[in-house]
Amino acid sequence: KENDYNLVEKMQKEILDSYLLDFSKHAPHNIVPRIRYLWESIPSQLAKENKKFIYGLIRKGARAREYEEALLWLSDAGLIRKINCIKKAVKPLSSYMDIRAFKLYHLDIGLLKAMAGISTSIIIKNDNIFEEFKGSLAEQFVLQELSCKQFVSGIYYWKSRAEAEVDFVITDGECVIPIEVKSGKSIQAKSLKVFMNEEKINKAIRFSLKGLKLNDNIINIPLYLIFNLENYIKEIKK
């Protein structure tokens, strides 16, 4: 209504500040510091090229056993989204989940932007300062959209024994569908091709800034059309 990005950023900061107060009010007192440390590490975890969650980035010498309860509290509160790695793309995907390898995403793209200290003006100008974090925000956006799709019955990611990695692997109850997210000009899909070859899957989806293209093995969907994903999946199944 006000068309004022500064007002939005002020409200985002107020929301984040209220979460910090909620940690102290509602979480067990003995884990409040660890909840805060873990929570505040999320932007730096997602800024890495390899977004696998690393406890050592929370604090020097941090161990999984010290932060498991804090992670569970944040997840149960709906403030973070935990996406596990799968070793094989075979249904049910949960049977091939690696419980030790996972990524942690934020609950909301706008709040993630605010936590990372990225101003709206930088995004609008497409400033180079924003370039390194653009991919993380694009993945966050796609994950949020996937999470609210009723037809999606599981969300994971995949990594090969080498360096190939697919951002998301979902199932709609019938098919396993790999998804790659591209936020830049290059839309090369080397990891998707490795995945499709190793897992014997003949259709994949790539979200990018490019136009809609449904007639290839790798289906390209513009990020802004993700709302129509279910219909595109039905189309490629024909």
C-alpha atoms as a PDB file:
ATOM      1  CA  LYS A   1       0.000   0.000   0.000  1.00  0.00           C
ATOM      2  CA  GLU A   2       2.766   2.451   0.955  1.00  0.00           C
ATOM      3  CA  ASN A   3       5.111   1.271  -1.839  1.00  0.00           C
ATOM      4  CA  ASP A   4       8.006   1.835   0.556  1.00  0.00           C
ATOM      5  CA  TYR A   5      10.771  -0.786   0.600  1.00  0.00           C
ATOM      6  CA  ASN A   6      12.331   0.842   3.660  1.00  0.00           C
ATOM      7  CA  LEU A   7       9.126   0.190   5.574  1.00  0.00           C
ATOM      8  CA  VAL A   8       9.206  -3.466   4.510  1.00  0.00           C
ATOM      9  CA  GLU A   9      12.807  -3.820   5.669  1.00  0.00           C
ATOM     10  CA  LYS A  10      11.919  -2.205   8.996  1.00  0.00           C
ATOM     11  CA  MET A  11       9.095  -4.709   9.490  1.00  0.00           C
ATOM     12  CA  GLN A  12      11.364  -7.617   8.556  1.00  0.00           C
ATOM     13  CA  LYS A  13      13.871  -6.507  11.183  1.00  0.00           C
ATOM     14  CA  GLU A  14      11.095  -6.248  13.766  1.00  0.00           C
ATOM     15  CA  ILE A  15       9.972  -9.794  12.953  1.00  0.00           C
ATOM     16  CA  LEU A  16      13.526 -11.116  13.298  1.00  0.00           C
ATOM     17  CA  ASP A  17      13.951  -9.285  16.605  1.00  0.00           C
ATOM     18  CA  SER A  18      10.693 -10.814  17.850  1.00  0.00           C
ATOM     19  CA  TYR A  19      12.010 -14.297  17.021  1.00  0.00           C
ATOM     20  CA  LEU A  20      15.072 -13.680  19.185  1.00  0.00           C
ATOM     21  CA  LEU A  21      12.790 -12.721  22.065  1.00  0.00           C
ATOM     22  CA  ASP A  22      10.692 -15.833  21.447  1.00  0.00           C
ATOM     23  CA  PHE A  23      13.780 -18.025  21.776  1.00  0.00           C
ATOM     24  CA  SER A  24      14.272 -16.732  25.318  1.00  0.00           C
ATOM     25  CA  LYS A  25      10.578 -17.000  26.182  1.00  0.00           C
ATOM     26  CA  HIS A  26       9.675 -20.406  24.777  1.00  0.00           C
ATOM     27  CA  ALA A  27      12.824 -22.531  24.361  1.00  0.00           C
ATOM     28  CA  PRO A  28      14.494 -24.457  27.200  1.00  0.00           C
ATOM     29  CA  HIS A  29      16.874 -21.974  28.830  1.00  0.00           C
ATOM     30  CA  ASN A  30      19.888 -24.274  28.580  1.00  0.00           C
ATOM     31  CA  ILE A  31      19.754 -24.340  24.759  1.00  0.00           C
ATOM     32  CA  VAL A  32      18.774 -20.723  24.013  1.00  0.00           C
ATOM     33  CA  PRO A  33      22.372 -19.614  23.221  1.00  0.00           C
ATOM     34  CA  ARG A  34      22.835 -22.567  20.864  1.00  0.00           C
ATOM     35  CA  ILE A  35      19.519 -21.835  19.143  1.00  0.00           C
ATOM     36  CA  ARG A  36      20.662 -18.274  18.512  1.00  0.00           C
ATOM     37  CA  TYR A  37      24.108 -19.305  17.249  1.00  0.00           C
ATOM     38  CA  LEU A  38      22.603 -21.873  14.875  1.00  0.00           C
ATOM     39  CA  TRP A  39      19.877 -19.507  13.683  1.00  0.00           C
ATOM     40  CA  GLU A  40      22.335 -16.707  12.983  1.00  0.00           C
ATOM     41  CA  SER A  41      24.615 -19.035  10.987  1.00  0.00           C
ATOM     42  CA  ILE A  42      21.981 -19.839   8.340  1.00  0.00           C
ATOM     43  CA  PRO A  43      22.822 -16.998   5.889  1.00  0.00           C
ATOM     44  CA  SER A  44      26.533 -17.900   5.924  1.00  0.00           C
ATOM     45  CA  GLN A  45      25.698 -21.602   5.507  1.00  0.00           C
ATOM     46  CA  LEU A  46      23.622 -20.807   2.409  1.00  0.00           C
ATOM     47  CA  ALA A  47      26.219 -18.404   1.013  1.00  0.00           C
ATOM     48  CA  LYS A  48      28.635 -21.318   0.488  1.00  0.00           C
ATOM     49  CA  GLU A  49      28.889 -22.959  -2.924  1.00  0.00           C
ATOM     50  CA  ASN A  50      28.380 -26.285  -1.167  1.00  0.00           C
ATOM     51  CA  LYS A  51      25.333 -25.586   1.006  1.00  0.00           C
ATOM     52  CA  LYS A  52      25.584 -28.732   3.111  1.00  0.00           C
ATOM     53  CA  PHE A  53      25.151 -27.681   6.733  1.00  0.00           C
ATOM     54  CA  ILE A  54      28.439 -27.601   8.648  1.00  0.00           C
ATOM     55  CA  TYR A  55      28.300 -27.373  12.430  1.00  0.00           C
ATOM     56  CA  GLY A  56      31.793 -25.919  12.531  1.00  0.00           C
ATOM     57  CA  LEU A  57      30.484 -22.746  10.873  1.00  0.00           C
ATOM     58  CA  ILE A  58      28.209 -22.033  13.833  1.00  0.00           C
ATOM     59  CA  ARG A  59      31.153 -21.605  16.159  1.00  0.00           C
ATOM     60  CA  LYS A  60      34.702 -22.875  16.108  1.00  0.00           C
ATOM     61  CA  GLY A  61      34.767 -26.434  17.396  1.00  0.00           C
ATOM     62  CA  ALA A  62      30.968 -26.864  17.352  1.00  0.00           C
ATOM     63  CA  ARG A  63      29.782 -30.481  17.312  1.00  0.00           C
ATOM     64  CA  ALA A  64      26.568 -32.044  16.046  1.00  0.00           C
ATOM     65  CA  ARG A  65      25.641 -33.508  19.435  1.00  0.00           C
ATOM     66  CA  GLU A  66      25.834 -30.029  21.010  1.00  0.00           C
ATOM     67  CA  TYR A  67      23.386 -28.496  18.525  1.00  0.00           C
ATOM     68  CA  GLU A  68      20.980 -31.328  17.675  1.00  0.00           C
ATOM     69  CA  GLU A  69      18.406 -30.190  20.248  1.00  0.00           C
ATOM     70  CA  ALA A  70      18.640 -26.566  19.080  1.00  0.00           C
ATOM     71  CA  LEU A  71      18.182 -27.636  15.459  1.00  0.00           C
ATOM     72  CA  LEU A  72      15.168 -29.766  16.360  1.00  0.00           C
ATOM     73  CA  TRP A  73      13.602 -26.874  18.298  1.00  0.00           C
ATOM     74  CA  LEU A  74      13.951 -24.479  15.354  1.00  0.00           C
ATOM     75  CA  SER A  75      12.592 -27.099  12.959  1.00  0.00           C
ATOM     76  CA  ASP A  76       9.605 -27.920  15.185  1.00  0.00           C
ATOM     77  CA  ALA A  77       8.898 -24.188  15.499  1.00  0.00           C
ATOM     78  CA  GLY A  78       8.724 -23.964  11.698  1.00  0.00           C
ATOM     79  CA  LEU A  79      11.564 -21.443  11.495  1.00  0.00           C
ATOM     80  CA  ILE A  80      13.925 -23.567   9.410  1.00  0.00           C
ATOM     81  CA  ARG A  81      13.469 -26.122   6.636  1.00  0.00           C
ATOM     82  CA  LYS A  82      15.720 -29.183   6.744  1.00  0.00           C
ATOM     83  CA  ILE A  83      16.423 -30.917   3.427  1.00  0.00           C
ATOM     84  CA  ASN A  84      18.306 -34.219   3.584  1.00  0.00           C
ATOM     85  CA  CYS A  85      20.585 -35.705   0.957  1.00  0.00           C
ATOM     86  CA  ILE A  86      19.582 -38.944  -0.745  1.00  0.00           C
ATOM     87  CA  LYS A  87      22.037 -41.570  -1.936  1.00  0.00           C
ATOM     88  CA  LYS A  88      19.746 -43.038  -4.605  1.00  0.00           C
ATOM     89  CA  ALA A  89      16.721 -41.694  -6.462  1.00  0.00           C
ATOM     90  CA  VAL A  90      14.508 -44.717  -5.819  1.00  0.00           C
ATOM     91  CA  LYS A  91      11.067 -44.636  -4.216  1.00  0.00           C
ATOM     92  CA  PRO A  92      10.522 -44.304  -1.352  1.00  0.00           C
ATOM     93  CA  LEU A  93      13.190 -41.617  -1.277  1.00  0.00           C
ATOM     94  CA  SER A  94      13.162 -41.594   2.523  1.00  0.00           C
ATOM     95  CA  SER A  95      14.703 -45.083   2.494  1.00  0.00           C
ATOM     96  CA  TYR A  96      17.851 -43.698   0.843  1.00  0.00           C
ATOM     97  CA  MET A  97      18.179 -40.577   2.995  1.00  0.00           C
ATOM     98  CA  ASP A  98      21.533 -39.720   4.557  1.00  0.00           C
ATOM     99  CA  ILE A  99      20.598 -38.377   7.996  1.00  0.00           C
ATOM    100  CA  ARG A 100      24.067 -36.863   8.457  1.00  0.00           C
ATOM    101  CA  ALA A 101      24.031 -34.783   5.263  1.00  0.00           C
ATOM    102  CA  PHE A 102      21.492 -31.988   5.007  1.00  0.00           C
ATOM    103  CA  LYS A 103      20.912 -28.337   4.166  1.00  0.00           C
ATOM    104  CA  LEU A 104      19.073 -25.848   6.351  1.00  0.00           C
ATOM    105  CA  TYR A 105      16.975 -23.202   4.670  1.00  0.00           C
ATOM    106  CA  HIS A 106      15.089 -20.306   6.229  1.00  0.00           C
ATOM    107  CA  LEU A 107      11.317 -20.258   6.565  1.00  0.00           C
ATOM    108  CA  ASP A 108      11.003 -17.120   4.398  1.00  0.00           C
ATOM    109  CA  ILE A 109      12.952 -15.552   1.544  1.00  0.00           C
ATOM    110  CA  GLY A 110      12.323 -11.978   2.698  1.00  0.00           C
ATOM    111  CA  LEU A 111      13.550 -12.690   6.225  1.00  0.00           C
ATOM    112  CA  LEU A 112      16.595 -14.510   4.836  1.00  0.00           C
ATOM    113  CA  LYS A 113      17.411 -11.446   2.741  1.00  0.00           C
ATOM    114  CA  ALA A 114      17.105  -9.268   5.832  1.00  0.00           C
ATOM    115  CA  MET A 115      19.294 -11.568   7.938  1.00  0.00           C
ATOM    116  CA  ALA A 116      21.936 -11.559   5.202  1.00  0.00           C
ATOM    117  CA  GLY A 117      21.956  -7.753   5.230  1.00  0.00           C
ATOM    118  CA  ILE A 118      20.929  -7.445   1.585  1.00  0.00           C
ATOM    119  CA  SER A 119      18.942  -4.284   0.921  1.00  0.00           C
ATOM    120  CA  THR A 120      16.091  -4.254  -1.569  1.00  0.00           C
ATOM    121  CA  SER A 121      17.831  -1.514  -3.570  1.00  0.00           C
ATOM    122  CA  ILE A 122      20.803  -3.828  -4.206  1.00  0.00           C
ATOM    123  CA  ILE A 123      18.465  -6.508  -5.588  1.00  0.00           C
ATOM    124  CA  ILE A 124      16.607  -4.047  -7.817  1.00  0.00           C
ATOM    125  CA  LYS A 125      19.879  -2.673  -9.196  1.00  0.00           C
ATOM    126  CA  ASN A 126      21.205  -6.241  -9.620  1.00  0.00           C
ATOM    127  CA  ASP A 127      24.382  -5.070  -7.898  1.00  0.00           C
ATOM    128  CA  ASN A 128      27.467  -7.304  -8.087  1.00  0.00           C
ATOM    129  CA  ILE A 129      27.512  -7.372  -4.283  1.00  0.00           C
ATOM    130  CA  PHE A 130      24.277  -9.377  -4.504  1.00  0.00           C
ATOM    131  CA  GLU A 131      25.587 -11.811  -7.133  1.00  0.00           C
ATOM    132  CA  GLU A 132      27.089 -14.353  -4.724  1.00  0.00           C
ATOM    133  CA  PHE A 133      23.884 -14.690  -2.682  1.00  0.00           C
ATOM    134  CA  LYS A 134      21.464 -14.625  -5.615  1.00  0.00           C
ATOM    135  CA  GLY A 135      21.565 -18.401  -6.045  1.00  0.00           C
ATOM    136  CA  SER A 136      20.735 -18.955  -2.380  1.00  0.00           C
ATOM    137  CA  LEU A 137      17.688 -16.701  -2.573  1.00  0.00           C
ATOM    138  CA  ALA A 138      16.515 -18.435  -5.757  1.00  0.00           C
ATOM    139  CA  GLU A 139      16.801 -21.843  -4.066  1.00  0.00           C
ATOM    140  CA  GLN A 140      14.988 -20.510  -1.002  1.00  0.00           C
ATOM    141  CA  PHE A 141      12.161 -19.247  -3.230  1.00  0.00           C
ATOM    142  CA  VAL A 142      11.820 -22.574  -5.052  1.00  0.00           C
ATOM    143  CA  LEU A 143      11.878 -24.542  -1.803  1.00  0.00           C
ATOM    144  CA  GLN A 144       9.127 -22.386  -0.303  1.00  0.00           C
ATOM    145  CA  GLU A 145       6.970 -22.968  -3.372  1.00  0.00           C
ATOM    146  CA  LEU A 146       7.625 -26.725  -3.373  1.00  0.00           C
ATOM    147  CA  SER A 147       6.822 -26.930   0.341  1.00  0.00           C
ATOM    148  CA  CYS A 148       3.291 -25.605  -0.169  1.00  0.00           C
ATOM    149  CA  LYS A 149       2.455 -27.864  -3.133  1.00  0.00           C
ATOM    150  CA  GLN A 150       0.080 -30.597  -1.990  1.00  0.00           C
ATOM    151  CA  PHE A 151       1.175 -32.967  -4.746  1.00  0.00           C
ATOM    152  CA  VAL A 152       4.800 -32.955  -3.527  1.00  0.00           C
ATOM    153  CA  SER A 153       5.228 -35.801  -1.040  1.00  0.00           C
ATOM    154  CA  GLY A 154       8.936 -35.406  -0.286  1.00  0.00           C
ATOM    155  CA  ILE A 155      11.773 -32.920  -0.875  1.00  0.00           C
ATOM    156  CA  TYR A 156      15.446 -33.907  -0.823  1.00  0.00           C
ATOM    157  CA  TYR A 157      18.678 -33.103  -2.623  1.00  0.00           C
ATOM    158  CA  TRP A 158      21.169 -35.415  -4.326  1.00  0.00           C
ATOM    159  CA  LYS A 159      24.942 -35.510  -4.452  1.00  0.00           C
ATOM    160  CA  SER A 160      27.127 -37.925  -6.387  1.00  0.00           C
ATOM    161  CA  ARG A 161      30.296 -39.506  -5.056  1.00  0.00           C
ATOM    162  CA  ALA A 162      32.118 -36.915  -7.119  1.00  0.00           C
ATOM    163  CA  GLU A 163      31.047 -33.262  -7.148  1.00  0.00           C
ATOM    164  CA  ALA A 164      27.727 -33.379  -9.008  1.00  0.00           C
ATOM    165  CA  GLU A 165      24.798 -32.054  -6.979  1.00  0.00           C
ATOM    166  CA  VAL A 166      21.117 -31.561  -7.783  1.00  0.00           C
ATOM    167  CA  ASP A 167      19.405 -28.823  -5.774  1.00  0.00           C
ATOM    168  CA  PHE A 168      16.140 -30.659  -5.132  1.00  0.00           C
ATOM    169  CA  VAL A 169      14.700 -34.099  -5.789  1.00  0.00           C
ATOM    170  CA  ILE A 170      10.966 -34.472  -5.266  1.00  0.00           C
ATOM    171  CA  THR A 171       8.357 -37.148  -5.708  1.00  0.00           C
ATOM    172  CA  ASP A 172       4.706 -36.651  -6.565  1.00  0.00           C
ATOM    173  CA  GLY A 173       3.802 -40.165  -5.477  1.00  0.00           C
ATOM    174  CA  GLU A 174       4.407 -41.594  -8.941  1.00  0.00           C
ATOM    175  CA  CYS A 175       7.646 -40.183 -10.326  1.00  0.00           C
ATOM    176  CA  VAL A 176      10.988 -39.032  -8.979  1.00  0.00           C
ATOM    177  CA  ILE A 177      11.688 -35.550 -10.343  1.00  0.00           C
ATOM    178  CA  PRO A 178      15.086 -33.822 -10.136  1.00  0.00           C
ATOM    179  CA  ILE A 179      15.070 -30.015 -10.001  1.00  0.00           C
ATOM    180  CA  GLU A 180      17.897 -27.572 -10.618  1.00  0.00           C
ATOM    181  CA  VAL A 181      17.707 -23.844  -9.845  1.00  0.00           C
ATOM    182  CA  LYS A 182      19.650 -21.318 -11.923  1.00  0.00           C
ATOM    183  CA  SER A 183      19.689 -17.628 -11.027  1.00  0.00           C
ATOM    184  CA  GLY A 184      22.262 -16.373 -13.541  1.00  0.00           C
ATOM    185  CA  LYS A 185      22.680 -16.201 -17.305  1.00  0.00           C
ATOM    186  CA  SER A 186      24.305 -19.618 -17.603  1.00  0.00           C
ATOM    187  CA  ILE A 187      21.860 -22.522 -17.484  1.00  0.00           C
ATOM    188  CA  GLN A 188      24.259 -25.392 -18.111  1.00  0.00           C
ATOM    189  CA  ALA A 189      22.941 -28.486 -16.373  1.00  0.00           C
ATOM    190  CA  LYS A 190      25.987 -30.724 -15.928  1.00  0.00           C
ATOM    191  CA  SER A 191      24.874 -32.080 -12.552  1.00  0.00           C
ATOM    192  CA  LEU A 192      21.361 -32.802 -13.819  1.00  0.00           C
ATOM    193  CA  LYS A 193      22.798 -34.789 -16.709  1.00  0.00           C
ATOM    194  CA  VAL A 194      25.014 -36.791 -14.334  1.00  0.00           C
ATOM    195  CA  PHE A 195      21.991 -37.499 -12.144  1.00  0.00           C
ATOM    196  CA  MET A 196      19.807 -38.538 -15.077  1.00  0.00           C
ATOM    197  CA  ASN A 197      22.520 -40.844 -16.384  1.00  0.00           C
ATOM    198  CA  GLU A 198      23.326 -42.465 -13.031  1.00  0.00           C
ATOM    199  CA  GLU A 199      19.731 -42.789 -11.825  1.00  0.00           C
ATOM    200  CA  LYS A 200      18.212 -43.706 -15.209  1.00  0.00           C
ATOM    201  CA  ILE A 201      15.699 -40.845 -15.139  1.00  0.00           C
ATOM    202  CA  ASN A 202      14.708 -39.302 -18.475  1.00  0.00           C
ATOM    203  CA  LYS A 203      12.981 -36.067 -17.409  1.00  0.00           C
ATOM    204  CA  ALA A 204      14.213 -33.229 -15.212  1.00  0.00           C
ATOM    205  CA  ILE A 205      13.185 -29.667 -14.399  1.00  0.00           C
ATOM    206  CA  ARG A 206      15.296 -26.539 -14.390  1.00  0.00           C
ATOM    207  CA  PHE A 207      14.020 -23.248 -12.977  1.00  0.00           C
ATOM    208  CA  SER A 208      15.805 -20.233 -14.425  1.00  0.00           C
ATOM    209  CA  LEU A 209      15.384 -16.734 -15.831  1.00  0.00           C
ATOM    210  CA  LYS A 210      15.003 -18.171 -19.343  1.00  0.00           C
ATOM    211  CA  GLY A 211      11.729 -18.814 -21.165  1.00  0.00           C
ATOM    212  CA  LEU A 212       9.418 -21.813 -20.919  1.00  0.00           C
ATOM    213  CA  LYS A 213      10.611 -24.877 -22.837  1.00  0.00           C
ATOM    214  CA  LEU A 214       8.740 -28.157 -22.414  1.00  0.00           C
ATOM    215  CA  ASN A 215       9.971 -30.296 -25.290  1.00  0.00           C
ATOM    216  CA  ASP A 216      13.425 -31.346 -24.029  1.00  0.00           C
ATOM    217  CA  ASN A 217      14.533 -33.958 -21.502  1.00  0.00           C
ATOM    218  CA  ILE A 218      15.435 -31.028 -19.264  1.00  0.00           C
ATOM    219  CA  ILE A 219      12.308 -28.897 -18.969  1.00  0.00           C
ATOM    220  CA  ASN A 220      13.045 -25.198 -18.482  1.00  0.00           C
ATOM    221  CA  ILE A 221      10.514 -23.226 -16.431  1.00  0.00           C
ATOM    222  CA  PRO A 222      10.878 -19.518 -15.614  1.00  0.00           C
ATOM    223  CA  LEU A 223      11.053 -18.929 -11.869  1.00  0.00           C
ATOM    224  CA  TYR A 224       7.916 -16.801 -11.969  1.00  0.00           C
ATOM    225  CA  LEU A 225       5.881 -19.726 -13.383  1.00  0.00           C
ATOM    226  CA  ILE A 226       6.637 -22.126 -10.536  1.00  0.00           C
ATOM    227  CA  PHE A 227       3.034 -21.730  -9.342  1.00  0.00           C
ATOM    228  CA  ASN A 228       2.003 -23.840 -12.361  1.00  0.00           C
ATOM    229  CA  LEU A 229       4.493 -26.647 -11.692  1.00  0.00           C
ATOM    230  CA  GLU A 230       1.907 -29.386 -11.211  1.00  0.00           C
ATOM    231  CA  ASN A 231       0.425 -28.785 -14.662  1.00  0.00           C
ATOM    232  CA  TYR A 232       3.869 -28.805 -16.289  1.00  0.00           C
ATOM    233  CA  ILE A 233       4.673 -32.124 -14.624  1.00  0.00           C
ATOM    234  CA  LYS A 234       1.406 -33.581 -15.930  1.00  0.00           C
ATOM    235  CA  GLU A 235       2.335 -32.324 -19.392  1.00  0.00           C
ATOM    236  CA  ILE A 236       5.752 -33.985 -19.454  1.00  0.00           C
ATOM    237  CA  LYS A 237       4.274 -37.287 -18.253  1.00  0.00           C
ATOM    238  CA  LYS A 238       2.113 -37.581 -21.383  1.00  0.00           C
END
